[in-house]
Amino acid sequence: MQERSLRRREAILVAAQELLVTENPEDLAMREVARRAGISIGSLYQYFPSKPAILRALVLRNLEKVGELLRTEVETLLADHGGRPTIVQAVDRIIDAYVNHYRSHPETIAVWAGAQADLELRRLDVIDTHATADFMVAPMMILLSSSDRDRILSAALLITELAGHAVRLALAVESPMTERIVAQFKTMVVAVLEANREAG
């Protein structure tokens, strides 16, 4: 894509994402997206033929951002602790990064909600959950001194799926309940990880 096309595409996605913070995905008006993006409705349809196409692009972009955040946090965590963080250090670091990301980008929660109403986007979310869990297996095997990949993968799938739900719930309630939910979720994750640690 040319530079101008990339800028327009980004303007459309930013406009749609901003609108999703205050509107339900099914109420997203293409005309309002075009107006906010500073383009004609005809131009909008050249880039995105439908609301689901915009949602899909937003979902893919958000999944990519969260994936990059996770990779960066895991690399930093391992580097900061000589490749051997404790379970609590790992859980605190990763979950806090996840919570902070969603807290500073509330539009991503709205995009996720819109994705749940679309079968194709729900499938994409499941594929991403599997990819994230696959990525987490190697560091978790090190963390837990485990060679049982299948067992660790099942724990990673569970933690990955529940993390999204726990964070969205935590950010939907008032403080101090937000912090309490995050602390409870961390306790649950530590318990799951401890249950999968190999006796050394």
N, C-alpha and C. Protein backbone atom coordinates (compact mmCIF):
# COMPACT_ATOMS: atom_id res chain seq x y z
N MET A 1 0.83 -1.19 0.00
CA MET A 1 0.00 0.00 0.00
C MET A 1 0.87 1.25 0.00
N GLN A 2 0.38 2.27 -0.65
CA GLN A 2 1.10 3.53 -0.67
C GLN A 2 0.92 4.25 0.66
N GLU A 3 1.80 5.21 0.90
CA GLU A 3 1.78 5.96 2.16
C GLU A 3 0.42 6.60 2.43
N ARG A 4 -0.15 7.23 1.42
CA ARG A 4 -1.44 7.90 1.59
C ARG A 4 -2.54 6.89 1.93
N SER A 5 -2.52 5.76 1.26
CA SER A 5 -3.51 4.71 1.53
C SER A 5 -3.36 4.17 2.95
N LEU A 6 -2.13 3.99 3.38
CA LEU A 6 -1.89 3.52 4.75
C LEU A 6 -2.40 4.51 5.78
N ARG A 7 -2.17 5.80 5.52
CA ARG A 7 -2.66 6.83 6.45
C ARG A 7 -4.18 6.84 6.51
N ARG A 8 -4.84 6.70 5.36
CA ARG A 8 -6.30 6.68 5.34
C ARG A 8 -6.84 5.45 6.07
N ARG A 9 -6.23 4.32 5.80
CA ARG A 9 -6.67 3.08 6.45
C ARG A 9 -6.53 3.21 7.97
N GLU A 10 -5.42 3.76 8.41
CA GLU A 10 -5.19 3.96 9.84
C GLU A 10 -6.20 4.95 10.42
N ALA A 11 -6.50 6.02 9.69
CA ALA A 11 -7.48 7.01 10.16
C ALA A 11 -8.86 6.36 10.33
N ILE A 12 -9.21 5.47 9.42
CA ILE A 12 -10.50 4.76 9.51
C ILE A 12 -10.51 3.88 10.76
N LEU A 13 -9.44 3.14 10.97
CA LEU A 13 -9.39 2.24 12.13
C LEU A 13 -9.41 3.02 13.45
N VAL A 14 -8.69 4.12 13.50
CA VAL A 14 -8.68 4.95 14.71
C VAL A 14 -10.08 5.51 14.97
N ALA A 15 -10.74 6.00 13.93
CA ALA A 15 -12.09 6.55 14.08
C ALA A 15 -13.06 5.48 14.57
N ALA A 16 -13.00 4.31 13.97
CA ALA A 16 -13.90 3.21 14.38
C ALA A 16 -13.62 2.79 15.81
N GLN A 17 -12.36 2.69 16.16
CA GLN A 17 -11.99 2.27 17.51
C GLN A 17 -12.47 3.28 18.54
N GLU A 18 -12.33 4.57 18.24
CA GLU A 18 -12.81 5.61 19.15
C GLU A 18 -14.32 5.53 19.33
N LEU A 19 -15.04 5.30 18.25
CA LEU A 19 -16.50 5.19 18.33
C LEU A 19 -16.92 3.97 19.14
N LEU A 20 -16.16 2.90 19.05
CA LEU A 20 -16.52 1.67 19.77
C LEU A 20 -16.41 1.82 21.28
N VAL A 21 -15.69 2.82 21.75
CA VAL A 21 -15.59 3.04 23.19
C VAL A 21 -16.95 3.47 23.75
N THR A 22 -17.74 4.17 22.95
CA THR A 22 -19.02 4.69 23.43
C THR A 22 -20.24 4.06 22.78
N GLU A 23 -20.04 3.25 21.74
CA GLU A 23 -21.16 2.65 21.02
C GLU A 23 -21.02 1.14 20.96
N ASN A 24 -22.16 0.47 20.88
CA ASN A 24 -22.14 -0.97 20.66
C ASN A 24 -21.68 -1.24 19.23
N PRO A 25 -20.95 -2.32 19.02
CA PRO A 25 -20.46 -2.62 17.67
C PRO A 25 -21.57 -2.67 16.61
N GLU A 26 -22.73 -3.21 16.99
CA GLU A 26 -23.82 -3.28 16.01
C GLU A 26 -24.39 -1.91 15.66
N ASP A 27 -24.13 -0.90 16.53
CA ASP A 27 -24.60 0.46 16.27
C ASP A 27 -23.56 1.32 15.54
N LEU A 28 -22.41 0.76 15.27
CA LEU A 28 -21.36 1.51 14.59
C LEU A 28 -21.86 1.94 13.21
N ALA A 29 -21.88 3.24 12.97
CA ALA A 29 -22.38 3.79 11.71
C ALA A 29 -21.21 4.08 10.78
N MET A 30 -21.24 3.47 9.61
CA MET A 30 -20.17 3.65 8.63
C MET A 30 -20.03 5.14 8.25
N ARG A 31 -21.14 5.83 8.14
CA ARG A 31 -21.11 7.25 7.79
C ARG A 31 -20.35 8.06 8.86
N GLU A 32 -20.57 7.72 10.13
CA GLU A 32 -19.88 8.42 11.22
C GLU A 32 -18.39 8.07 11.24
N VAL A 33 -18.06 6.83 10.93
CA VAL A 33 -16.65 6.44 10.84
C VAL A 33 -15.97 7.27 9.75
N ALA A 34 -16.63 7.37 8.59
CA ALA A 34 -16.06 8.15 7.48
C ALA A 34 -15.89 9.62 7.88
N ARG A 35 -16.92 10.19 8.52
CA ARG A 35 -16.85 11.60 8.94
C ARG A 35 -15.67 11.82 9.88
N ARG A 36 -15.54 10.95 10.88
CA ARG A 36 -14.45 11.10 11.86
C ARG A 36 -13.08 10.89 11.22
N ALA A 37 -13.03 10.03 10.22
CA ALA A 37 -11.75 9.76 9.54
C ALA A 37 -11.42 10.85 8.52
N GLY A 38 -12.39 11.74 8.25
CA GLY A 38 -12.16 12.83 7.31
C GLY A 38 -12.15 12.40 5.86
N ILE A 39 -12.95 11.37 5.55
CA ILE A 39 -13.03 10.88 4.17
C ILE A 39 -14.49 10.70 3.78
N SER A 40 -14.73 10.50 2.50
CA SER A 40 -16.09 10.28 2.03
C SER A 40 -16.52 8.84 2.34
N ILE A 41 -17.82 8.62 2.36
CA ILE A 41 -18.33 7.28 2.60
C ILE A 41 -17.88 6.33 1.49
N GLY A 42 -17.80 6.84 0.27
CA GLY A 42 -17.32 6.01 -0.85
C GLY A 42 -15.89 5.55 -0.65
N SER A 43 -15.05 6.47 -0.15
CA SER A 43 -13.65 6.10 0.13
C SER A 43 -13.58 5.05 1.23
N LEU A 44 -14.42 5.21 2.24
CA LEU A 44 -14.44 4.23 3.33
C LEU A 44 -14.71 2.83 2.79
N TYR A 45 -15.72 2.73 1.92
CA TYR A 45 -16.08 1.41 1.38
C TYR A 45 -15.01 0.84 0.46
N GLN A 46 -14.13 1.68 -0.07
CA GLN A 46 -13.01 1.16 -0.86
C GLN A 46 -12.02 0.41 0.04
N TYR A 47 -11.89 0.87 1.27
CA TYR A 47 -10.97 0.24 2.21
C TYR A 47 -11.62 -0.91 2.98
N PHE A 48 -12.85 -0.68 3.40
CA PHE A 48 -13.57 -1.67 4.20
C PHE A 48 -15.01 -1.77 3.69
N PRO A 49 -15.37 -2.89 3.08
CA PRO A 49 -16.70 -3.02 2.48
C PRO A 49 -17.84 -3.16 3.49
N SER A 50 -17.50 -3.38 4.78
CA SER A 50 -18.56 -3.60 5.77
C SER A 50 -18.04 -3.35 7.18
N LYS A 51 -18.97 -3.26 8.13
CA LYS A 51 -18.58 -3.14 9.54
C LYS A 51 -17.77 -4.35 10.00
N PRO A 52 -18.19 -5.58 9.65
CA PRO A 52 -17.37 -6.73 10.05
C PRO A 52 -15.94 -6.66 9.53
N ALA A 53 -15.74 -6.07 8.36
CA ALA A 53 -14.38 -5.94 7.82
C ALA A 53 -13.55 -4.99 8.69
N ILE A 54 -14.18 -3.91 9.16
CA ILE A 54 -13.48 -2.98 10.07
C ILE A 54 -13.17 -3.69 11.39
N LEU A 55 -14.16 -4.38 11.94
CA LEU A 55 -13.95 -5.09 13.20
C LEU A 55 -12.83 -6.12 13.07
N ARG A 56 -12.82 -6.84 11.95
CA ARG A 56 -11.79 -7.86 11.75
C ARG A 56 -10.40 -7.21 11.74
N ALA A 57 -10.27 -6.09 11.05
CA ALA A 57 -8.98 -5.38 11.00
C ALA A 57 -8.57 -4.91 12.40
N LEU A 58 -9.54 -4.42 13.17
CA LEU A 58 -9.25 -3.97 14.54
C LEU A 58 -8.85 -5.14 15.43
N VAL A 59 -9.56 -6.25 15.29
CA VAL A 59 -9.24 -7.44 16.09
C VAL A 59 -7.82 -7.91 15.76
N LEU A 60 -7.51 -8.02 14.49
CA LEU A 60 -6.17 -8.47 14.09
C LEU A 60 -5.09 -7.53 14.62
N ARG A 61 -5.34 -6.24 14.52
CA ARG A 61 -4.37 -5.25 15.01
C ARG A 61 -4.19 -5.37 16.52
N ASN A 62 -5.30 -5.53 17.24
CA ASN A 62 -5.20 -5.64 18.70
C ASN A 62 -4.53 -6.94 19.13
N LEU A 63 -4.83 -8.03 18.44
CA LEU A 63 -4.18 -9.30 18.76
C LEU A 63 -2.67 -9.19 18.53
N GLU A 64 -2.30 -8.51 17.47
CA GLU A 64 -0.87 -8.32 17.18
C GLU A 64 -0.19 -7.50 18.28
N LYS A 65 -0.86 -6.43 18.72
CA LYS A 65 -0.28 -5.58 19.78
C LYS A 65 -0.12 -6.35 21.09
N VAL A 66 -1.14 -7.11 21.45
CA VAL A 66 -1.07 -7.88 22.70
C VAL A 66 0.00 -8.97 22.58
N GLY A 67 0.09 -9.60 21.42
CA GLY A 67 1.12 -10.61 21.21
C GLY A 67 2.52 -10.04 21.34
N GLU A 68 2.73 -8.86 20.77
CA GLU A 68 4.03 -8.20 20.88
C GLU A 68 4.33 -7.81 22.32
N LEU A 69 3.32 -7.31 23.02
CA LEU A 69 3.47 -6.96 24.44
C LEU A 69 3.90 -8.19 25.23
N LEU A 70 3.23 -9.30 25.00
CA LEU A 70 3.54 -10.53 25.72
C LEU A 70 4.97 -11.00 25.44
N ARG A 71 5.36 -11.00 24.17
CA ARG A 71 6.73 -11.42 23.81
C ARG A 71 7.76 -10.53 24.49
N THR A 72 7.53 -9.22 24.47
CA THR A 72 8.46 -8.28 25.09
C THR A 72 8.54 -8.51 26.60
N GLU A 73 7.39 -8.68 27.24
CA GLU A 73 7.37 -8.88 28.69
C GLU A 73 8.06 -10.18 29.09
N VAL A 74 7.85 -11.24 28.33
CA VAL A 74 8.50 -12.52 28.65
C VAL A 74 10.01 -12.39 28.49
N GLU A 75 10.46 -11.77 27.39
CA GLU A 75 11.90 -11.58 27.18
C GLU A 75 12.52 -10.77 28.32
N THR A 76 11.86 -9.68 28.69
CA THR A 76 12.37 -8.82 29.76
C THR A 76 12.36 -9.55 31.10
N LEU A 77 11.29 -10.28 31.37
CA LEU A 77 11.18 -11.05 32.61
C LEU A 77 12.34 -12.04 32.73
N LEU A 78 12.58 -12.79 31.66
CA LEU A 78 13.67 -13.77 31.69
C LEU A 78 15.03 -13.09 31.85
N ALA A 79 15.23 -11.98 31.14
CA ALA A 79 16.50 -11.26 31.23
C ALA A 79 16.71 -10.68 32.63
N ASP A 80 15.65 -10.13 33.21
CA ASP A 80 15.76 -9.52 34.54
C ASP A 80 16.05 -10.53 35.65
N HIS A 81 15.72 -11.78 35.41
CA HIS A 81 15.86 -12.79 36.47
C HIS A 81 16.77 -13.95 36.05
N GLY A 82 17.72 -13.65 35.18
CA GLY A 82 18.69 -14.66 34.78
C GLY A 82 18.07 -15.91 34.19
N GLY A 83 16.94 -15.74 33.51
CA GLY A 83 16.27 -16.87 32.88
C GLY A 83 15.47 -17.74 33.82
N ARG A 84 15.44 -17.40 35.12
CA ARG A 84 14.76 -18.24 36.11
C ARG A 84 13.92 -17.41 37.09
N PRO A 85 12.89 -16.73 36.62
CA PRO A 85 12.05 -16.00 37.57
C PRO A 85 11.25 -16.98 38.43
N THR A 86 10.78 -16.50 39.56
CA THR A 86 9.87 -17.33 40.36
C THR A 86 8.49 -17.28 39.72
N ILE A 87 7.64 -18.18 40.14
CA ILE A 87 6.27 -18.18 39.62
C ILE A 87 5.58 -16.86 39.93
N VAL A 88 5.73 -16.37 41.14
CA VAL A 88 5.07 -15.12 41.53
C VAL A 88 5.61 -13.95 40.70
N GLN A 89 6.92 -13.89 40.49
CA GLN A 89 7.49 -12.82 39.66
C GLN A 89 6.91 -12.87 38.24
N ALA A 90 6.82 -14.06 37.69
CA ALA A 90 6.29 -14.21 36.33
C ALA A 90 4.83 -13.80 36.25
N VAL A 91 4.03 -14.28 37.19
CA VAL A 91 2.60 -13.97 37.18
C VAL A 91 2.38 -12.47 37.37
N ASP A 92 3.07 -11.88 38.34
CA ASP A 92 2.92 -10.44 38.57
C ASP A 92 3.28 -9.64 37.32
N ARG A 93 4.40 -9.95 36.72
CA ARG A 93 4.89 -9.19 35.56
C ARG A 93 3.93 -9.28 34.38
N ILE A 94 3.53 -10.49 34.03
CA ILE A 94 2.71 -10.68 32.83
C ILE A 94 1.30 -10.15 33.03
N ILE A 95 0.69 -10.46 34.15
CA ILE A 95 -0.69 -10.00 34.38
C ILE A 95 -0.74 -8.49 34.54
N ASP A 96 0.22 -7.91 35.25
CA ASP A 96 0.24 -6.45 35.38
C ASP A 96 0.39 -5.77 34.02
N ALA A 97 1.24 -6.32 33.16
CA ALA A 97 1.41 -5.75 31.82
C ALA A 97 0.10 -5.83 31.03
N TYR A 98 -0.57 -6.96 31.15
CA TYR A 98 -1.84 -7.18 30.45
C TYR A 98 -2.90 -6.20 30.95
N VAL A 99 -3.02 -6.06 32.28
CA VAL A 99 -3.99 -5.13 32.87
C VAL A 99 -3.68 -3.71 32.44
N ASN A 100 -2.42 -3.31 32.52
CA ASN A 100 -2.03 -1.95 32.16
C ASN A 100 -2.31 -1.66 30.69
N HIS A 101 -2.10 -2.66 29.83
CA HIS A 101 -2.40 -2.47 28.41
C HIS A 101 -3.88 -2.17 28.21
N TYR A 102 -4.73 -3.00 28.78
CA TYR A 102 -6.17 -2.81 28.60
C TYR A 102 -6.68 -1.56 29.32
N ARG A 103 -6.07 -1.21 30.43
CA ARG A 103 -6.46 0.01 31.14
C ARG A 103 -6.13 1.24 30.29
N SER A 104 -4.99 1.23 29.63
CA SER A 104 -4.60 2.40 28.83
C SER A 104 -5.18 2.37 27.42
N HIS A 105 -5.81 1.25 27.04
CA HIS A 105 -6.44 1.14 25.72
C HIS A 105 -7.85 0.55 25.87
N PRO A 106 -8.78 1.31 26.48
CA PRO A 106 -10.12 0.77 26.72
C PRO A 106 -10.86 0.38 25.44
N GLU A 107 -10.46 0.97 24.33
CA GLU A 107 -11.11 0.63 23.07
C GLU A 107 -10.89 -0.83 22.68
N THR A 108 -9.81 -1.43 23.17
CA THR A 108 -9.56 -2.83 22.82
C THR A 108 -10.59 -3.76 23.46
N ILE A 109 -11.12 -3.36 24.60
CA ILE A 109 -12.18 -4.15 25.24
C ILE A 109 -13.44 -4.08 24.40
N ALA A 110 -13.74 -2.89 23.88
CA ALA A 110 -14.91 -2.72 23.02
C ALA A 110 -14.76 -3.53 21.73
N VAL A 111 -13.57 -3.55 21.18
CA VAL A 111 -13.31 -4.34 19.96
C VAL A 111 -13.52 -5.82 20.26
N TRP A 112 -13.02 -6.28 21.41
CA TRP A 112 -13.20 -7.68 21.78
C TRP A 112 -14.69 -8.01 21.90
N ALA A 113 -15.45 -7.12 22.51
CA ALA A 113 -16.89 -7.36 22.66
C ALA A 113 -17.56 -7.48 21.29
N GLY A 114 -17.16 -6.64 20.36
CA GLY A 114 -17.70 -6.72 19.01
C GLY A 114 -17.32 -8.01 18.32
N ALA A 115 -16.13 -8.49 18.60
CA ALA A 115 -15.67 -9.74 17.97
C ALA A 115 -16.48 -10.93 18.45
N GLN A 116 -16.97 -10.88 19.67
CA GLN A 116 -17.71 -12.02 20.21
C GLN A 116 -19.06 -12.22 19.53
N ALA A 117 -19.56 -11.18 18.87
CA ALA A 117 -20.84 -11.28 18.18
C ALA A 117 -20.70 -11.87 16.77
N ASP A 118 -19.48 -12.10 16.34
CA ASP A 118 -19.23 -12.56 14.97
C ASP A 118 -18.52 -13.91 15.02
N LEU A 119 -19.11 -14.93 14.40
CA LEU A 119 -18.57 -16.28 14.46
C LEU A 119 -17.14 -16.36 13.93
N GLU A 120 -16.87 -15.72 12.81
CA GLU A 120 -15.52 -15.75 12.23
C GLU A 120 -14.50 -15.12 13.18
N LEU A 121 -14.89 -14.00 13.81
CA LEU A 121 -13.97 -13.32 14.72
C LEU A 121 -13.78 -14.12 16.01
N ARG A 122 -14.81 -14.83 16.46
CA ARG A 122 -14.64 -15.71 17.63
C ARG A 122 -13.65 -16.82 17.31
N ARG A 123 -13.73 -17.36 16.10
CA ARG A 123 -12.77 -18.39 15.69
C ARG A 123 -11.36 -17.83 15.66
N LEU A 124 -11.23 -16.61 15.18
CA LEU A 124 -9.92 -15.95 15.15
C LEU A 124 -9.38 -15.78 16.56
N ASP A 125 -10.25 -15.44 17.50
CA ASP A 125 -9.86 -15.29 18.91
C ASP A 125 -9.37 -16.63 19.47
N VAL A 126 -10.04 -17.71 19.13
CA VAL A 126 -9.63 -19.04 19.60
C VAL A 126 -8.26 -19.41 18.99
N ILE A 127 -8.08 -19.12 17.72
CA ILE A 127 -6.78 -19.40 17.07
C ILE A 127 -5.68 -18.61 17.77
N ASP A 128 -5.97 -17.35 18.09
CA ASP A 128 -4.97 -16.52 18.78
C ASP A 128 -4.69 -17.05 20.18
N THR A 129 -5.72 -17.52 20.88
CA THR A 129 -5.52 -18.11 22.21
C THR A 129 -4.56 -19.30 22.11
N HIS A 130 -4.76 -20.14 21.10
CA HIS A 130 -3.86 -21.28 20.91
C HIS A 130 -2.44 -20.82 20.59
N ALA A 131 -2.31 -19.81 19.74
CA ALA A 131 -0.97 -19.31 19.38
C ALA A 131 -0.27 -18.72 20.60
N THR A 132 -1.01 -17.98 21.41
CA THR A 132 -0.43 -17.40 22.62
C THR A 132 -0.01 -18.49 23.59
N ALA A 133 -0.88 -19.48 23.77
CA ALA A 133 -0.55 -20.59 24.67
C ALA A 133 0.67 -21.35 24.16
N ASP A 134 0.75 -21.58 22.85
CA ASP A 134 1.92 -22.25 22.27
C ASP A 134 3.20 -21.47 22.58
N PHE A 135 3.11 -20.14 22.44
CA PHE A 135 4.27 -19.29 22.74
C PHE A 135 4.67 -19.41 24.21
N MET A 136 3.68 -19.51 25.09
CA MET A 136 3.94 -19.54 26.53
C MET A 136 4.48 -20.87 27.03
N VAL A 137 4.32 -21.94 26.25
CA VAL A 137 4.72 -23.27 26.72
C VAL A 137 6.20 -23.33 27.08
N ALA A 138 7.08 -22.87 26.20
CA ALA A 138 8.53 -22.99 26.47
C ALA A 138 8.94 -22.26 27.75
N PRO A 139 8.56 -20.97 27.92
CA PRO A 139 8.95 -20.32 29.18
C PRO A 139 8.29 -20.96 30.40
N MET A 140 7.06 -21.46 30.24
CA MET A 140 6.40 -22.12 31.37
C MET A 140 7.09 -23.43 31.73
N MET A 141 7.56 -24.17 30.73
CA MET A 141 8.28 -25.41 31.01
C MET A 141 9.56 -25.13 31.80
N ILE A 142 10.23 -24.03 31.45
CA ILE A 142 11.43 -23.63 32.20
C ILE A 142 11.03 -23.23 33.62
N LEU A 143 10.03 -22.37 33.71
CA LEU A 143 9.57 -21.86 35.01
C LEU A 143 9.16 -23.00 35.94
N LEU A 144 8.52 -24.02 35.37
CA LEU A 144 7.97 -25.11 36.19
C LEU A 144 8.87 -26.35 36.22
N SER A 145 10.04 -26.25 35.61
CA SER A 145 10.97 -27.39 35.53
C SER A 145 10.23 -28.64 35.05
N SER A 146 9.45 -28.48 33.99
CA SER A 146 8.62 -29.57 33.50
C SER A 146 9.00 -29.95 32.08
N SER A 147 8.91 -31.23 31.79
CA SER A 147 9.14 -31.71 30.43
C SER A 147 7.83 -32.21 29.79
N ASP A 148 6.72 -32.08 30.51
CA ASP A 148 5.42 -32.55 30.03
C ASP A 148 4.73 -31.45 29.23
N ARG A 149 5.06 -31.37 27.93
CA ARG A 149 4.56 -30.29 27.09
C ARG A 149 3.03 -30.25 27.04
N ASP A 150 2.38 -31.39 26.90
CA ASP A 150 0.92 -31.41 26.80
C ASP A 150 0.26 -30.87 28.07
N ARG A 151 0.79 -31.25 29.20
CA ARG A 151 0.23 -30.77 30.47
C ARG A 151 0.40 -29.25 30.58
N ILE A 152 1.58 -28.77 30.23
CA ILE A 152 1.84 -27.33 30.31
C ILE A 152 1.00 -26.57 29.28
N LEU A 153 0.83 -27.15 28.10
CA LEU A 153 -0.01 -26.51 27.08
C LEU A 153 -1.45 -26.37 27.58
N SER A 154 -1.98 -27.39 28.23
CA SER A 154 -3.36 -27.28 28.73
C SER A 154 -3.46 -26.18 29.79
N ALA A 155 -2.45 -26.05 30.64
CA ALA A 155 -2.45 -24.97 31.64
C ALA A 155 -2.33 -23.61 30.94
N ALA A 156 -1.47 -23.53 29.92
CA ALA A 156 -1.29 -22.27 29.20
C ALA A 156 -2.58 -21.85 28.48
N LEU A 157 -3.28 -22.81 27.89
CA LEU A 157 -4.56 -22.50 27.24
C LEU A 157 -5.57 -21.96 28.25
N LEU A 158 -5.66 -22.62 29.38
CA LEU A 158 -6.60 -22.19 30.42
C LEU A 158 -6.26 -20.78 30.92
N ILE A 159 -5.01 -20.56 31.24
CA ILE A 159 -4.59 -19.25 31.76
C ILE A 159 -4.80 -18.16 30.71
N THR A 160 -4.43 -18.44 29.47
CA THR A 160 -4.57 -17.45 28.40
C THR A 160 -6.03 -17.05 28.20
N GLU A 161 -6.91 -18.03 28.14
CA GLU A 161 -8.33 -17.74 27.93
C GLU A 161 -8.92 -16.99 29.12
N LEU A 162 -8.62 -17.44 30.32
CA LEU A 162 -9.19 -16.81 31.51
C LEU A 162 -8.63 -15.41 31.76
N ALA A 163 -7.39 -15.17 31.34
CA ALA A 163 -6.78 -13.85 31.56
C ALA A 163 -7.60 -12.75 30.90
N GLY A 164 -8.01 -12.97 29.67
CA GLY A 164 -8.82 -11.96 28.98
C GLY A 164 -10.11 -11.66 29.72
N HIS A 165 -10.79 -12.71 30.14
CA HIS A 165 -12.06 -12.52 30.86
C HIS A 165 -11.84 -11.83 32.20
N ALA A 166 -10.82 -12.25 32.93
CA ALA A 166 -10.55 -11.66 34.25
C ALA A 166 -10.20 -10.18 34.14
N VAL A 167 -9.38 -9.83 33.17
CA VAL A 167 -8.98 -8.43 33.01
C VAL A 167 -10.16 -7.58 32.59
N ARG A 168 -10.96 -8.06 31.66
CA ARG A 168 -12.14 -7.28 31.23
C ARG A 168 -13.10 -7.08 32.40
N LEU A 169 -13.31 -8.11 33.21
CA LEU A 169 -14.16 -7.97 34.39
C LEU A 169 -13.57 -6.97 35.36
N ALA A 170 -12.28 -7.09 35.64
CA ALA A 170 -11.63 -6.20 36.60
C ALA A 170 -11.76 -4.74 36.18
N LEU A 171 -11.64 -4.48 34.88
CA LEU A 171 -11.70 -3.10 34.41
C LEU A 171 -13.13 -2.59 34.24
N ALA A 172 -14.11 -3.49 34.36
CA ALA A 172 -15.51 -3.08 34.23
C ALA A 172 -16.12 -2.67 35.57
N VAL A 173 -15.42 -2.93 36.67
CA VAL A 173 -15.94 -2.59 37.99
C VAL A 173 -15.15 -1.43 38.58
N GLU A 174 -15.68 -0.89 39.66
CA GLU A 174 -15.04 0.26 40.32
C GLU A 174 -13.88 -0.20 41.21
N SER A 175 -12.89 0.68 41.34
CA SER A 175 -11.81 0.45 42.28
C SER A 175 -12.40 0.59 43.68
N PRO A 176 -12.03 -0.17 44.68
CA PRO A 176 -10.90 -1.08 44.79
C PRO A 176 -11.21 -2.51 44.32
N MET A 177 -12.43 -2.75 43.82
CA MET A 177 -12.77 -4.10 43.36
C MET A 177 -11.87 -4.52 42.19
N THR A 178 -11.47 -3.57 41.36
CA THR A 178 -10.56 -3.87 40.25
C THR A 178 -9.31 -4.56 40.77
N GLU A 179 -8.67 -3.94 41.74
CA GLU A 179 -7.43 -4.49 42.29
C GLU A 179 -7.66 -5.83 42.97
N ARG A 180 -8.80 -5.98 43.63
CA ARG A 180 -9.10 -7.25 44.30
C ARG A 180 -9.27 -8.38 43.29
N ILE A 181 -9.96 -8.09 42.19
CA ILE A 181 -10.15 -9.12 41.16
C ILE A 181 -8.81 -9.52 40.55
N VAL A 182 -7.97 -8.52 40.25
CA VAL A 182 -6.65 -8.83 39.68
C VAL A 182 -5.84 -9.67 40.67
N ALA A 183 -5.86 -9.30 41.94
CA ALA A 183 -5.11 -10.06 42.96
C ALA A 183 -5.65 -11.49 43.06
N GLN A 184 -6.97 -11.66 43.03
CA GLN A 184 -7.56 -13.00 43.10
C GLN A 184 -7.16 -13.82 41.87
N PHE A 185 -7.17 -13.18 40.70
CA PHE A 185 -6.79 -13.91 39.49
C PHE A 185 -5.33 -14.34 39.55
N LYS A 186 -4.46 -13.45 40.04
CA LYS A 186 -3.05 -13.83 40.18
C LYS A 186 -2.91 -15.03 41.11
N THR A 187 -3.66 -15.04 42.20
CA THR A 187 -3.61 -16.17 43.13
C THR A 187 -4.04 -17.46 42.44
N MET A 188 -5.09 -17.37 41.61
CA MET A 188 -5.54 -18.55 40.87
C MET A 188 -4.47 -19.05 39.90
N VAL A 189 -3.84 -18.12 39.19
CA VAL A 189 -2.82 -18.51 38.21
C VAL A 189 -1.62 -19.14 38.92
N VAL A 190 -1.20 -18.55 40.02
CA VAL A 190 -0.09 -19.14 40.78
C VAL A 190 -0.45 -20.56 41.21
N ALA A 191 -1.69 -20.76 41.67
CA ALA A 191 -2.12 -22.10 42.10
C ALA A 191 -2.08 -23.10 40.94
N VAL A 192 -2.54 -22.67 39.77
CA VAL A 192 -2.51 -23.56 38.59
C VAL A 192 -1.06 -23.89 38.24
N LEU A 193 -0.20 -22.89 38.25
CA LEU A 193 1.21 -23.13 37.91
C LEU A 193 1.88 -24.03 38.95
N GLU A 194 1.64 -23.76 40.22
CA GLU A 194 2.23 -24.61 41.27
C GLU A 194 1.77 -26.05 41.14
N ALA A 195 0.51 -26.25 40.76
CA ALA A 195 -0.02 -27.60 40.59
C ALA A 195 0.65 -28.33 39.43
N ASN A 196 1.24 -27.57 38.52
CA ASN A 196 1.90 -28.18 37.35
C ASN A 196 3.42 -28.19 37.47
N ARG A 197 3.94 -27.74 38.60
CA ARG A 197 5.40 -27.75 38.80
C ARG A 197 5.84 -29.19 39.05
N GLU A 198 6.94 -29.56 38.41
CA GLU A 198 7.47 -30.91 38.63
C GLU A 198 8.26 -30.93 39.92
N ALA A 199 8.09 -31.99 40.67
CA ALA A 199 8.84 -32.13 41.92
C ALA A 199 10.33 -32.18 41.59
N GLY A 200 11.09 -31.37 42.27
CA GLY A 200 12.51 -31.33 41.96
C GLY A 200 13.30 -31.95 43.02
